[in-house]
């Protein structure tokens, strides 16, 4: 039986978060703390969905030499592991957390080079796990060896199988996906403001300008567009209209994976058949809940529901 929720992570990473009192470029720092988490966008999304109590399958490509942290997370959260293992190490991404400002500086390292044969094996596992009605999340950057239109090909194949595709990518992979023919467009895309600006080819300094560009993107044939706006929340567009969701006030422990948690909340709402308002609340509730914890983890369901209830909605 096909799993209803499937994530693909072709370029996963071990996220090493180093906490500093204050980040000063060119200076020598003493770390206050350090932690490592199995990560990558699709892995993070799956972790949050599992914490919410939903069955989820993960696919993609892992380096066999340091796959243990991923296997441990999948076992602990009850996630079905369909990853391909290849020789070598999954990359490590450094995240420098400035405790004073709360800002995180990311240093993303190159990933494994994926050969055609390995990709075909990973694609086969993805298609086997997805079926009619499945929600499939294609997430993150593409590793070396894969063409920018990789997500376009996968989306077309998944739609033929009756799956619904949620895309969270950036750079050339996102540009290719947004330029695809109608039969290969995802059902949902979640660019952040900068990524939407790149697609639009112009700065979008105000919310009305973000809204206009998101409407243009929807007009391409993508039913749902969600634009993440950092501290300003997120903008949600669908057939029912548009909603600007404002996050609740919280104490931030770590911003690592907050965007991935938002995607997970969006997917959970789609899985439940929620309306636009409830989708916006749950997505922001997931993101706010994750911000209170380190790693791609959610607090207890009751706390996520409380945070979702505190999300303020306005019409842009």
Protein backbone atom coordinates (compact mmCIF):
# COMPACT_ATOMS: atom_id res chain seq x y z
CA UNK A 1 0.00 0.00 0.00
CA UNK A 2 1.42 3.43 -0.95
CA UNK A 3 2.33 5.75 1.89
CA UNK A 4 0.18 8.88 1.84
CA UNK A 5 3.12 11.20 2.62
CA UNK A 6 6.52 10.89 0.95
CA UNK A 7 9.53 13.23 1.01
CA UNK A 8 12.50 13.24 -1.37
CA UNK A 9 15.89 14.62 -0.29
CA UNK A 10 18.55 14.18 -2.95
CA UNK A 11 21.13 16.37 -1.17
CA UNK A 12 20.72 15.72 2.57
CA UNK A 13 23.08 17.06 5.20
CA UNK A 14 24.13 16.70 8.78
CA UNK A 15 23.40 20.13 10.26
CA UNK A 16 26.06 21.16 12.79
CA UNK A 17 24.76 24.13 14.76
CA UNK A 18 27.43 26.08 16.65
CA UNK A 19 26.15 28.64 19.17
CA UNK A 20 28.29 31.76 19.61
CA UNK A 21 27.81 34.67 22.00
CA UNK A 22 28.30 37.07 19.07
CA UNK A 23 29.43 36.37 15.49
CA UNK A 24 32.20 38.76 14.39
CA UNK A 25 33.68 38.08 10.93
CA UNK A 26 37.46 37.65 11.05
CA UNK A 27 37.54 37.06 14.82
CA UNK A 28 38.38 33.94 16.81
CA UNK A 29 35.30 32.58 18.59
CA UNK A 30 34.74 30.23 21.51
CA UNK A 31 31.63 28.15 20.96
CA UNK A 32 29.05 28.12 23.72
CA UNK A 33 27.51 24.89 22.45
CA UNK A 34 27.40 22.61 19.42
CA UNK A 35 24.92 19.99 18.23
CA UNK A 36 24.54 17.86 15.12
CA UNK A 37 21.23 16.86 13.56
CA UNK A 38 20.39 14.67 10.59
CA UNK A 39 18.95 17.17 8.14
CA UNK A 40 18.12 18.24 4.63
CA UNK A 41 14.77 19.77 3.75
CA UNK A 42 12.83 16.56 3.08
CA UNK A 43 14.27 14.90 6.19
CA UNK A 44 13.25 17.89 8.32
CA UNK A 45 9.75 17.97 6.84
CA UNK A 46 9.34 14.24 7.50
CA UNK A 47 10.51 14.63 11.10
CA UNK A 48 7.88 17.27 11.82
CA UNK A 49 5.12 15.27 10.11
CA UNK A 50 6.05 12.22 12.18
CA UNK A 51 6.00 14.30 15.37
CA UNK A 52 2.46 15.35 14.41
CA UNK A 53 1.53 11.67 14.22
CA UNK A 54 1.33 11.14 10.47
CA UNK A 55 2.86 8.16 8.63
CA UNK A 56 5.64 9.34 6.33
CA UNK A 57 8.21 7.75 4.04
CA UNK A 58 11.60 9.29 3.23
CA UNK A 59 13.56 8.71 0.03
CA UNK A 60 16.71 10.10 -1.51
CA UNK A 61 20.45 9.46 -1.40
CA UNK A 62 22.66 9.12 1.69
CA UNK A 63 26.39 8.56 2.07
CA UNK A 64 26.86 5.17 3.74
CA UNK A 65 29.87 6.28 5.79
CA UNK A 66 27.86 8.58 8.08
CA UNK A 67 24.27 7.42 7.63
CA UNK A 68 23.88 6.37 11.28
CA UNK A 69 22.43 9.71 12.54
CA UNK A 70 19.74 9.53 9.86
CA UNK A 71 18.89 5.91 10.64
CA UNK A 72 18.61 6.80 14.34
CA UNK A 73 16.16 9.67 13.66
CA UNK A 74 14.04 7.53 11.33
CA UNK A 75 13.86 4.73 13.90
CA UNK A 76 13.07 7.07 16.79
CA UNK A 77 10.26 8.84 14.91
CA UNK A 78 8.84 5.78 13.15
CA UNK A 79 9.68 7.09 9.66
CA UNK A 80 9.81 4.55 6.82
CA UNK A 81 13.35 4.70 5.40
CA UNK A 82 13.59 4.18 1.62
CA UNK A 83 16.88 6.04 1.14
CA UNK A 84 19.53 4.70 -1.25
CA UNK A 85 22.96 4.37 0.41
CA UNK A 86 26.07 5.09 -1.67
CA UNK A 87 29.79 5.07 -0.90
CA UNK A 88 31.09 8.22 0.77
CA UNK A 89 29.83 10.73 3.30
CA UNK A 90 26.72 12.88 3.42
CA UNK A 91 27.81 16.52 3.58
CA UNK A 92 27.90 18.55 6.80
CA UNK A 93 26.36 22.04 6.82
CA UNK A 94 27.58 24.55 9.39
CA UNK A 95 25.06 26.84 11.07
CA UNK A 96 26.51 29.62 13.22
CA UNK A 97 23.94 30.86 15.72
CA UNK A 98 24.55 34.34 17.09
CA UNK A 99 23.02 34.18 20.57
CA UNK A 100 22.94 37.96 20.91
CA UNK A 101 21.02 38.72 17.69
CA UNK A 102 19.32 35.36 17.19
CA UNK A 103 20.54 35.29 13.58
CA UNK A 104 21.88 32.11 11.99
CA UNK A 105 24.65 32.18 9.36
CA UNK A 106 24.63 29.12 7.08
CA UNK A 107 27.71 27.59 5.44
CA UNK A 108 26.45 24.85 3.11
CA UNK A 109 29.07 22.42 1.82
CA UNK A 110 28.93 20.55 -1.50
CA UNK A 111 27.11 17.23 -1.42
CA UNK A 112 27.76 13.85 -2.99
CA UNK A 113 27.85 13.60 -6.76
CA UNK A 114 24.92 11.41 -7.81
CA UNK A 115 25.45 9.21 -10.85
CA UNK A 116 22.69 8.43 -13.36
CA UNK A 117 22.37 4.89 -12.02
CA UNK A 118 22.00 6.01 -8.40
CA UNK A 119 19.44 8.64 -9.37
CA UNK A 120 17.41 6.09 -11.35
CA UNK A 121 17.37 3.81 -8.29
CA UNK A 122 16.25 6.67 -6.03
CA UNK A 123 13.60 7.70 -8.56
CA UNK A 124 12.26 4.15 -8.67
CA UNK A 125 11.94 4.07 -4.88
CA UNK A 126 10.15 7.41 -4.91
CA UNK A 127 7.67 6.31 -7.57
CA UNK A 128 7.09 2.99 -5.79
CA UNK A 129 6.26 4.84 -2.55
CA UNK A 130 3.90 7.32 -4.22
CA UNK A 131 0.46 6.53 -5.57
CA UNK A 132 -2.94 8.09 -6.23
CA UNK A 133 -3.67 10.73 -3.61
CA UNK A 134 -0.17 10.69 -2.12
CA UNK A 135 1.36 14.00 -1.12
CA UNK A 136 4.97 14.03 -2.29
CA UNK A 137 7.37 16.71 -1.08
CA UNK A 138 10.33 17.39 -3.40
CA UNK A 139 12.65 19.44 -1.24
CA UNK A 140 16.04 21.04 -1.22
CA UNK A 141 18.97 21.57 -3.54
CA UNK A 142 20.12 19.14 -6.20
CA UNK A 143 23.49 17.39 -5.81
CA UNK A 144 26.23 17.46 -8.40
CA UNK A 145 25.54 15.30 -11.43
CA UNK A 146 21.83 16.14 -11.72
CA UNK A 147 20.32 18.59 -14.22
CA UNK A 148 18.29 21.63 -13.08
CA UNK A 149 15.13 20.12 -14.62
CA UNK A 150 15.30 17.03 -12.39
CA UNK A 151 12.26 18.13 -10.36
CA UNK A 152 10.35 18.83 -13.57
CA UNK A 153 10.82 15.24 -14.72
CA UNK A 154 9.92 13.85 -11.31
CA UNK A 155 6.80 16.02 -11.00
CA UNK A 156 5.55 14.89 -14.41
CA UNK A 157 6.04 11.22 -13.50
CA UNK A 158 4.41 11.67 -10.08
CA UNK A 159 1.36 13.44 -11.52
CA UNK A 160 0.86 10.56 -13.98
CA UNK A 161 0.65 8.30 -10.93
CA UNK A 162 -2.00 10.53 -9.37
CA UNK A 163 0.26 12.01 -6.70
CA UNK A 164 0.09 15.63 -5.53
CA UNK A 165 3.46 17.40 -5.56
CA UNK A 166 4.68 20.02 -3.10
CA UNK A 167 7.93 21.70 -4.19
CA UNK A 168 10.36 23.55 -1.90
CA UNK A 169 13.51 24.31 -3.88
CA UNK A 170 15.68 27.25 -4.89
CA UNK A 171 18.06 28.46 -7.58
CA UNK A 172 18.15 26.80 -11.01
CA UNK A 173 16.05 23.84 -9.83
CA UNK A 174 13.22 26.16 -8.76
CA UNK A 175 13.51 28.28 -11.91
CA UNK A 176 13.23 25.17 -14.10
CA UNK A 177 10.26 23.88 -12.11
CA UNK A 178 8.37 27.17 -12.37
CA UNK A 179 9.00 27.32 -16.14
CA UNK A 180 7.66 23.79 -16.75
CA UNK A 181 4.78 22.85 -19.00
CA UNK A 182 1.38 22.45 -17.26
CA UNK A 183 1.67 18.66 -17.03
CA UNK A 184 4.82 19.06 -14.91
CA UNK A 185 3.82 21.93 -12.61
CA UNK A 186 3.55 21.12 -8.88
CA UNK A 187 0.33 21.63 -6.94
CA UNK A 188 2.12 23.71 -4.31
CA UNK A 189 5.30 25.81 -4.29
CA UNK A 190 6.80 27.58 -1.27
CA UNK A 191 9.35 30.20 -2.28
CA UNK A 192 10.66 32.66 0.25
CA UNK A 193 10.64 36.35 -0.57
CA UNK A 194 14.13 36.32 -2.14
CA UNK A 195 13.29 33.30 -4.31
CA UNK A 196 10.08 34.97 -5.49
CA UNK A 197 12.09 38.10 -6.34
CA UNK A 198 14.47 36.00 -8.42
CA UNK A 199 11.53 34.50 -10.32
CA UNK A 200 9.85 37.87 -10.80
CA UNK A 201 13.11 39.53 -11.85
CA UNK A 202 12.60 42.53 -9.57
CA UNK A 203 12.75 43.55 -5.88
CA UNK A 204 9.54 43.08 -3.89
CA UNK A 205 9.97 45.42 -0.93
CA UNK A 206 6.30 45.69 0.06
CA UNK A 207 3.62 43.11 0.83
CA UNK A 208 1.39 44.29 -2.07
CA UNK A 209 4.30 43.70 -4.45
CA UNK A 210 4.90 40.22 -2.99
CA UNK A 211 1.19 39.50 -3.35
CA UNK A 212 1.15 40.65 -6.98
CA UNK A 213 4.14 38.46 -7.88
CA UNK A 214 2.59 35.48 -6.10
CA UNK A 215 -0.63 36.01 -8.08
CA UNK A 216 1.43 36.04 -11.28
CA UNK A 217 3.02 32.75 -10.24
CA UNK A 218 -0.38 31.22 -9.56
CA UNK A 219 -1.51 32.37 -12.99
CA UNK A 220 1.14 30.08 -14.46
CA UNK A 221 -1.03 27.17 -13.36
CA UNK A 222 0.16 26.37 -9.84
CA UNK A 223 -2.94 26.02 -7.61
CA UNK A 224 -1.31 26.94 -4.30
CA UNK A 225 1.51 29.40 -3.71
CA UNK A 226 2.93 30.01 -0.23
CA UNK A 227 5.54 32.74 0.25
CA UNK A 228 7.47 32.60 3.52
CA UNK A 229 8.32 36.04 4.91
CA UNK A 230 10.47 35.27 7.96
CA UNK A 231 9.38 37.31 10.98
CA UNK A 232 6.45 38.67 8.95
CA UNK A 233 4.91 35.19 8.65
CA UNK A 234 3.75 33.90 5.29
CA UNK A 235 1.40 34.66 2.43
CA UNK A 236 -0.97 31.91 1.26
CA UNK A 237 -2.71 31.99 -2.14
CA UNK A 238 -5.25 29.46 -3.43
CA UNK A 239 -8.56 29.35 -5.30
CA UNK A 240 -10.26 30.56 -2.11
CA UNK A 241 -8.26 33.78 -2.12
CA UNK A 242 -5.23 35.06 -0.22
CA UNK A 243 -4.30 35.15 3.47
CA UNK A 244 -1.41 36.82 5.27
CA UNK A 245 -0.64 34.76 8.38
CA UNK A 246 1.21 36.57 11.18
CA UNK A 247 3.18 34.38 13.62
CA UNK A 248 2.49 34.37 17.38
CA UNK A 249 5.01 35.85 19.81
CA UNK A 250 7.42 33.17 21.02
CA UNK A 251 10.87 32.74 22.56
CA UNK A 252 13.10 31.54 19.71
CA UNK A 253 15.51 28.71 20.52
CA UNK A 254 16.71 28.03 16.96
CA UNK A 255 15.64 29.15 13.48
CA UNK A 256 17.19 26.06 11.85
CA UNK A 257 14.49 24.19 9.92
CA UNK A 258 11.71 26.72 10.51
CA UNK A 259 10.87 26.93 6.82
CA UNK A 260 10.80 23.15 6.61
CA UNK A 261 8.40 23.02 9.58
CA UNK A 262 6.13 25.49 7.77
CA UNK A 263 6.09 23.13 4.77
CA UNK A 264 5.29 20.22 7.07
CA UNK A 265 2.36 22.12 8.57
CA UNK A 266 1.14 23.00 5.10
CA UNK A 267 1.32 19.34 4.05
CA UNK A 268 -0.43 18.18 7.24
CA UNK A 269 -3.26 20.62 6.51
CA UNK A 270 -3.52 19.45 2.88
CA UNK A 271 -3.60 15.85 4.11
CA UNK A 272 -6.50 16.75 6.41
CA UNK A 273 -8.34 18.65 3.65
CA UNK A 274 -8.27 21.89 5.65
CA UNK A 275 -9.52 25.19 4.25
CA UNK A 276 -7.23 28.12 3.50
CA UNK A 277 -7.53 29.80 6.91
CA UNK A 278 -6.88 26.60 8.87
CA UNK A 279 -4.02 25.71 6.51
CA UNK A 280 -2.35 29.05 7.19
CA UNK A 281 -2.82 28.68 10.95
CA UNK A 282 -1.43 25.14 11.08
CA UNK A 283 1.57 25.94 8.86
CA UNK A 284 2.50 28.91 11.07
CA UNK A 285 1.79 26.85 14.19
CA UNK A 286 4.26 24.19 13.03
CA UNK A 287 6.90 26.84 12.26
CA UNK A 288 6.40 28.62 15.60
CA UNK A 289 6.54 25.33 17.50
CA UNK A 290 9.78 24.34 15.81
CA UNK A 291 11.32 27.73 16.62
CA UNK A 292 10.97 26.93 20.32
CA UNK A 293 13.11 23.78 19.97
CA UNK A 294 16.51 22.83 18.55
CA UNK A 295 16.56 20.52 15.55
CA UNK A 296 13.67 19.62 13.24
CA UNK A 297 11.30 18.75 16.05
CA UNK A 298 7.83 19.83 17.12
CA UNK A 299 6.57 20.28 20.66
CA UNK A 300 3.53 18.32 21.86
CA UNK A 301 0.46 18.41 19.63
CA UNK A 302 -1.50 20.50 22.13
CA UNK A 303 1.20 23.19 22.11
CA UNK A 304 1.27 23.31 18.29
CA UNK A 305 -2.53 23.65 18.30
CA UNK A 306 -2.27 26.47 20.87
CA UNK A 307 0.28 28.30 18.71
CA UNK A 308 -1.83 27.76 15.59
CA UNK A 309 -4.79 29.30 17.40
CA UNK A 310 -2.67 32.36 18.19
CA UNK A 311 -1.81 33.01 14.52
CA UNK A 312 -3.38 36.26 13.29
CA UNK A 313 -4.85 36.29 9.78
CA UNK A 314 -5.33 39.34 7.58
CA UNK A 315 -6.40 39.79 3.97
CA UNK A 316 -3.57 41.27 1.87
